[in-house]
Amino acid sequence: METVIGFTAIAVAILIGLGALGVGIGMGLLGGKFLESAARQPELAPMLQVKMFIVVGLLDAVAMIGVGIALFFTFANPFVEQFIAVTAG
């Protein structure tokens, strides 16, 4: 059972880490493209800024969904119960 819990902890760390890495890269690319487009057409900067913040909110939602799934696996791990059922029977 300790192996299942250990692998779950590793999976949770990878899930949160890769989610945060992906969101960080996405926000960096998004911010860079926003600055490029605002420099090319300054009159469109307010409209582009609104759209950029909407996309940033969606990117954050992806990271929070990953954290939610990771917390589920941490505190209500279905694999431990399945492991106990297999080994007991």
N, C-alpha and C. Protein backbone atom coordinates (compact mmCIF):
# COMPACT_ATOMS: atom_id res chain seq x y z
N MET A 1 0.82 -1.19 0.00
CA MET A 1 0.00 0.00 0.00
C MET A 1 0.86 1.25 0.00
N GLU A 2 2.01 1.20 0.60
CA GLU A 2 2.90 2.36 0.62
C GLU A 2 3.36 2.71 -0.79
N THR A 3 3.49 1.69 -1.65
CA THR A 3 3.90 1.94 -3.03
C THR A 3 2.84 2.74 -3.77
N VAL A 4 1.57 2.38 -3.57
CA VAL A 4 0.47 3.10 -4.23
C VAL A 4 0.44 4.54 -3.76
N ILE A 5 0.60 4.75 -2.48
CA ILE A 5 0.59 6.11 -1.94
C ILE A 5 1.80 6.89 -2.44
N GLY A 6 2.95 6.25 -2.52
CA GLY A 6 4.15 6.92 -3.03
C GLY A 6 4.02 7.31 -4.49
N PHE A 7 3.50 6.38 -5.30
CA PHE A 7 3.30 6.70 -6.72
C PHE A 7 2.25 7.79 -6.90
N THR A 8 1.24 7.78 -6.04
CA THR A 8 0.22 8.83 -6.10
C THR A 8 0.83 10.19 -5.77
N ALA A 9 1.71 10.23 -4.79
CA ALA A 9 2.37 11.49 -4.44
C ALA A 9 3.23 11.99 -5.59
N ILE A 10 3.93 11.09 -6.26
CA ILE A 10 4.74 11.49 -7.42
C ILE A 10 3.84 11.99 -8.54
N ALA A 11 2.72 11.31 -8.77
CA ALA A 11 1.80 11.73 -9.83
C ALA A 11 1.19 13.10 -9.52
N VAL A 12 0.88 13.34 -8.26
CA VAL A 12 0.32 14.64 -7.87
C VAL A 12 1.36 15.74 -8.08
N ALA A 13 2.61 15.47 -7.73
CA ALA A 13 3.66 16.47 -7.92
C ALA A 13 3.86 16.77 -9.41
N ILE A 14 3.85 15.74 -10.23
CA ILE A 14 4.00 15.94 -11.67
C ILE A 14 2.81 16.70 -12.23
N LEU A 15 1.60 16.37 -11.77
CA LEU A 15 0.40 17.04 -12.25
C LEU A 15 0.42 18.53 -11.94
N ILE A 16 0.75 18.87 -10.72
CA ILE A 16 0.78 20.29 -10.34
C ILE A 16 1.96 20.99 -11.02
N GLY A 17 3.12 20.35 -11.05
CA GLY A 17 4.31 20.97 -11.63
C GLY A 17 4.17 21.23 -13.12
N LEU A 18 3.72 20.23 -13.87
CA LEU A 18 3.58 20.42 -15.32
C LEU A 18 2.45 21.38 -15.64
N GLY A 19 1.39 21.36 -14.82
CA GLY A 19 0.31 22.34 -15.02
C GLY A 19 0.80 23.76 -14.82
N ALA A 20 1.57 23.98 -13.78
CA ALA A 20 2.11 25.32 -13.51
C ALA A 20 3.11 25.73 -14.59
N LEU A 21 3.92 24.78 -15.03
CA LEU A 21 4.89 25.08 -16.10
C LEU A 21 4.18 25.48 -17.38
N GLY A 22 3.16 24.72 -17.75
CA GLY A 22 2.42 25.03 -18.97
C GLY A 22 1.73 26.38 -18.90
N VAL A 23 1.13 26.68 -17.76
CA VAL A 23 0.46 27.97 -17.60
C VAL A 23 1.48 29.11 -17.63
N GLY A 24 2.64 28.90 -17.02
CA GLY A 24 3.67 29.93 -17.04
C GLY A 24 4.18 30.21 -18.44
N ILE A 25 4.41 29.16 -19.20
CA ILE A 25 4.85 29.35 -20.59
C ILE A 25 3.76 30.02 -21.41
N GLY A 26 2.52 29.58 -21.21
CA GLY A 26 1.41 30.17 -21.95
C GLY A 26 1.22 31.65 -21.65
N MET A 27 1.34 32.02 -20.38
CA MET A 27 1.20 33.43 -20.02
C MET A 27 2.36 34.26 -20.55
N GLY A 28 3.54 33.68 -20.56
CA GLY A 28 4.68 34.40 -21.12
C GLY A 28 4.51 34.66 -22.60
N LEU A 29 4.09 33.64 -23.33
CA LEU A 29 3.86 33.83 -24.77
C LEU A 29 2.72 34.82 -25.02
N LEU A 30 1.66 34.71 -24.23
CA LEU A 30 0.53 35.60 -24.40
C LEU A 30 0.91 37.05 -24.12
N GLY A 31 1.66 37.27 -23.04
CA GLY A 31 2.09 38.63 -22.72
C GLY A 31 3.01 39.21 -23.77
N GLY A 32 3.91 38.39 -24.29
CA GLY A 32 4.81 38.85 -25.33
C GLY A 32 4.08 39.22 -26.60
N LYS A 33 3.13 38.40 -27.01
CA LYS A 33 2.35 38.69 -28.22
C LYS A 33 1.47 39.92 -28.01
N PHE A 34 0.96 40.09 -26.79
CA PHE A 34 0.16 41.28 -26.52
C PHE A 34 1.01 42.54 -26.65
N LEU A 35 2.22 42.51 -26.09
CA LEU A 35 3.09 43.70 -26.19
C LEU A 35 3.48 43.98 -27.63
N GLU A 36 3.74 42.93 -28.41
CA GLU A 36 4.06 43.13 -29.82
C GLU A 36 2.89 43.76 -30.57
N SER A 37 1.69 43.24 -30.34
CA SER A 37 0.53 43.77 -31.07
C SER A 37 0.17 45.17 -30.59
N ALA A 38 0.34 45.46 -29.31
CA ALA A 38 0.06 46.82 -28.81
C ALA A 38 1.09 47.81 -29.34
N ALA A 39 2.31 47.36 -29.56
CA ALA A 39 3.33 48.26 -30.12
C ALA A 39 3.06 48.53 -31.60
N ARG A 40 2.53 47.53 -32.31
CA ARG A 40 2.24 47.72 -33.74
C ARG A 40 1.02 48.61 -33.96
N GLN A 41 -0.04 48.37 -33.15
CA GLN A 41 -1.27 49.15 -33.30
C GLN A 41 -1.73 49.63 -31.92
N PRO A 42 -1.22 50.77 -31.49
CA PRO A 42 -1.55 51.26 -30.13
C PRO A 42 -3.03 51.57 -29.93
N GLU A 43 -3.73 51.88 -31.01
CA GLU A 43 -5.16 52.22 -30.85
C GLU A 43 -6.00 50.99 -30.49
N LEU A 44 -5.49 49.81 -30.75
CA LEU A 44 -6.22 48.58 -30.41
C LEU A 44 -5.82 48.00 -29.04
N ALA A 45 -4.91 48.66 -28.36
CA ALA A 45 -4.38 48.12 -27.09
C ALA A 45 -5.47 47.87 -26.04
N PRO A 46 -6.44 48.77 -25.83
CA PRO A 46 -7.46 48.48 -24.80
C PRO A 46 -8.29 47.23 -25.12
N MET A 47 -8.67 47.05 -26.38
CA MET A 47 -9.45 45.88 -26.77
C MET A 47 -8.61 44.60 -26.62
N LEU A 48 -7.36 44.68 -27.02
CA LEU A 48 -6.49 43.52 -26.90
C LEU A 48 -6.21 43.18 -25.44
N GLN A 49 -6.14 44.21 -24.60
CA GLN A 49 -5.88 43.98 -23.19
C GLN A 49 -7.04 43.23 -22.54
N VAL A 50 -8.26 43.59 -22.89
CA VAL A 50 -9.43 42.90 -22.34
C VAL A 50 -9.40 41.43 -22.75
N LYS A 51 -9.12 41.18 -24.03
CA LYS A 51 -9.08 39.80 -24.51
C LYS A 51 -7.93 39.03 -23.87
N MET A 52 -6.81 39.72 -23.64
CA MET A 52 -5.68 39.05 -23.00
C MET A 52 -6.04 38.62 -21.59
N PHE A 53 -6.72 39.49 -20.84
CA PHE A 53 -7.08 39.14 -19.46
C PHE A 53 -8.11 38.02 -19.41
N ILE A 54 -8.99 37.94 -20.40
CA ILE A 54 -9.94 36.83 -20.46
C ILE A 54 -9.18 35.51 -20.67
N VAL A 55 -8.22 35.52 -21.57
CA VAL A 55 -7.44 34.30 -21.83
C VAL A 55 -6.57 33.95 -20.62
N VAL A 56 -6.03 34.94 -19.93
CA VAL A 56 -5.25 34.67 -18.72
C VAL A 56 -6.13 34.01 -17.66
N GLY A 57 -7.37 34.46 -17.54
CA GLY A 57 -8.29 33.83 -16.60
C GLY A 57 -8.58 32.38 -16.97
N LEU A 58 -8.71 32.11 -18.26
CA LEU A 58 -8.93 30.73 -18.70
C LEU A 58 -7.69 29.87 -18.44
N LEU A 59 -6.51 30.44 -18.64
CA LEU A 59 -5.28 29.70 -18.35
C LEU A 59 -5.18 29.37 -16.87
N ASP A 60 -5.54 30.33 -16.03
CA ASP A 60 -5.52 30.07 -14.58
C ASP A 60 -6.53 28.99 -14.21
N ALA A 61 -7.65 28.97 -14.90
CA ALA A 61 -8.65 27.94 -14.62
C ALA A 61 -8.09 26.55 -14.91
N VAL A 62 -7.30 26.42 -15.97
CA VAL A 62 -6.69 25.13 -16.29
C VAL A 62 -5.78 24.68 -15.14
N ALA A 63 -4.99 25.60 -14.62
CA ALA A 63 -4.10 25.27 -13.51
C ALA A 63 -4.90 24.90 -12.26
N MET A 64 -5.99 25.60 -11.98
CA MET A 64 -6.78 25.31 -10.80
C MET A 64 -7.51 23.97 -10.93
N ILE A 65 -7.91 23.59 -12.13
CA ILE A 65 -8.51 22.28 -12.34
C ILE A 65 -7.47 21.19 -12.04
N GLY A 66 -6.23 21.41 -12.48
CA GLY A 66 -5.17 20.46 -12.17
C GLY A 66 -4.92 20.34 -10.68
N VAL A 67 -4.95 21.46 -9.98
CA VAL A 67 -4.77 21.43 -8.52
C VAL A 67 -5.94 20.70 -7.86
N GLY A 68 -7.15 20.91 -8.36
CA GLY A 68 -8.31 20.21 -7.81
C GLY A 68 -8.21 18.71 -7.98
N ILE A 69 -7.80 18.26 -9.16
CA ILE A 69 -7.63 16.83 -9.40
C ILE A 69 -6.51 16.27 -8.52
N ALA A 70 -5.44 17.03 -8.36
CA ALA A 70 -4.34 16.59 -7.52
C ALA A 70 -4.79 16.46 -6.06
N LEU A 71 -5.58 17.40 -5.58
CA LEU A 71 -6.08 17.31 -4.21
C LEU A 71 -7.02 16.12 -4.04
N PHE A 72 -7.80 15.84 -5.08
CA PHE A 72 -8.67 14.66 -5.02
C PHE A 72 -7.84 13.39 -4.86
N PHE A 73 -6.79 13.27 -5.66
CA PHE A 73 -5.95 12.08 -5.57
C PHE A 73 -5.17 12.03 -4.26
N THR A 74 -4.91 13.19 -3.68
CA THR A 74 -4.17 13.22 -2.42
C THR A 74 -5.04 12.78 -1.24
N PHE A 75 -6.26 13.30 -1.17
CA PHE A 75 -7.07 13.08 0.03
C PHE A 75 -8.17 12.04 -0.13
N ALA A 76 -8.61 11.76 -1.34
CA ALA A 76 -9.67 10.76 -1.56
C ALA A 76 -9.21 9.81 -2.64
N ASN A 77 -8.09 9.17 -2.40
CA ASN A 77 -7.44 8.35 -3.42
C ASN A 77 -8.25 7.09 -3.70
N PRO A 78 -8.82 6.96 -4.90
CA PRO A 78 -9.58 5.74 -5.20
C PRO A 78 -8.68 4.53 -5.43
N PHE A 79 -7.40 4.75 -5.71
CA PHE A 79 -6.51 3.64 -5.99
C PHE A 79 -6.14 2.87 -4.73
N VAL A 80 -6.12 3.53 -3.58
CA VAL A 80 -5.81 2.84 -2.33
C VAL A 80 -6.92 1.85 -1.99
N GLU A 81 -8.17 2.29 -2.14
CA GLU A 81 -9.29 1.40 -1.84
C GLU A 81 -9.33 0.22 -2.81
N GLN A 82 -9.02 0.46 -4.07
CA GLN A 82 -8.98 -0.61 -5.04
C GLN A 82 -7.84 -1.59 -4.72
N PHE A 83 -6.71 -1.06 -4.30
CA PHE A 83 -5.56 -1.91 -3.92
C PHE A 83 -5.91 -2.78 -2.72
N ILE A 84 -6.60 -2.20 -1.74
CA ILE A 84 -7.00 -2.96 -0.55
C ILE A 84 -7.99 -4.06 -0.94
N ALA A 85 -8.92 -3.74 -1.85
CA ALA A 85 -9.91 -4.74 -2.27
C ALA A 85 -9.25 -5.90 -3.01
N VAL A 86 -8.24 -5.61 -3.81
CA VAL A 86 -7.56 -6.66 -4.58
C VAL A 86 -6.72 -7.54 -3.68
N THR A 87 -6.02 -6.93 -2.74
CA THR A 87 -5.13 -7.71 -1.88
C THR A 87 -5.90 -8.47 -0.80
N ALA A 88 -7.07 -7.98 -0.41
CA ALA A 88 -7.84 -8.67 0.62
C ALA A 88 -8.59 -9.87 0.06
N GLY A 89 -8.92 -9.79 -1.23
CA GLY A 89 -9.75 -10.85 -1.81
C GLY A 89 -8.99 -11.92 -2.43
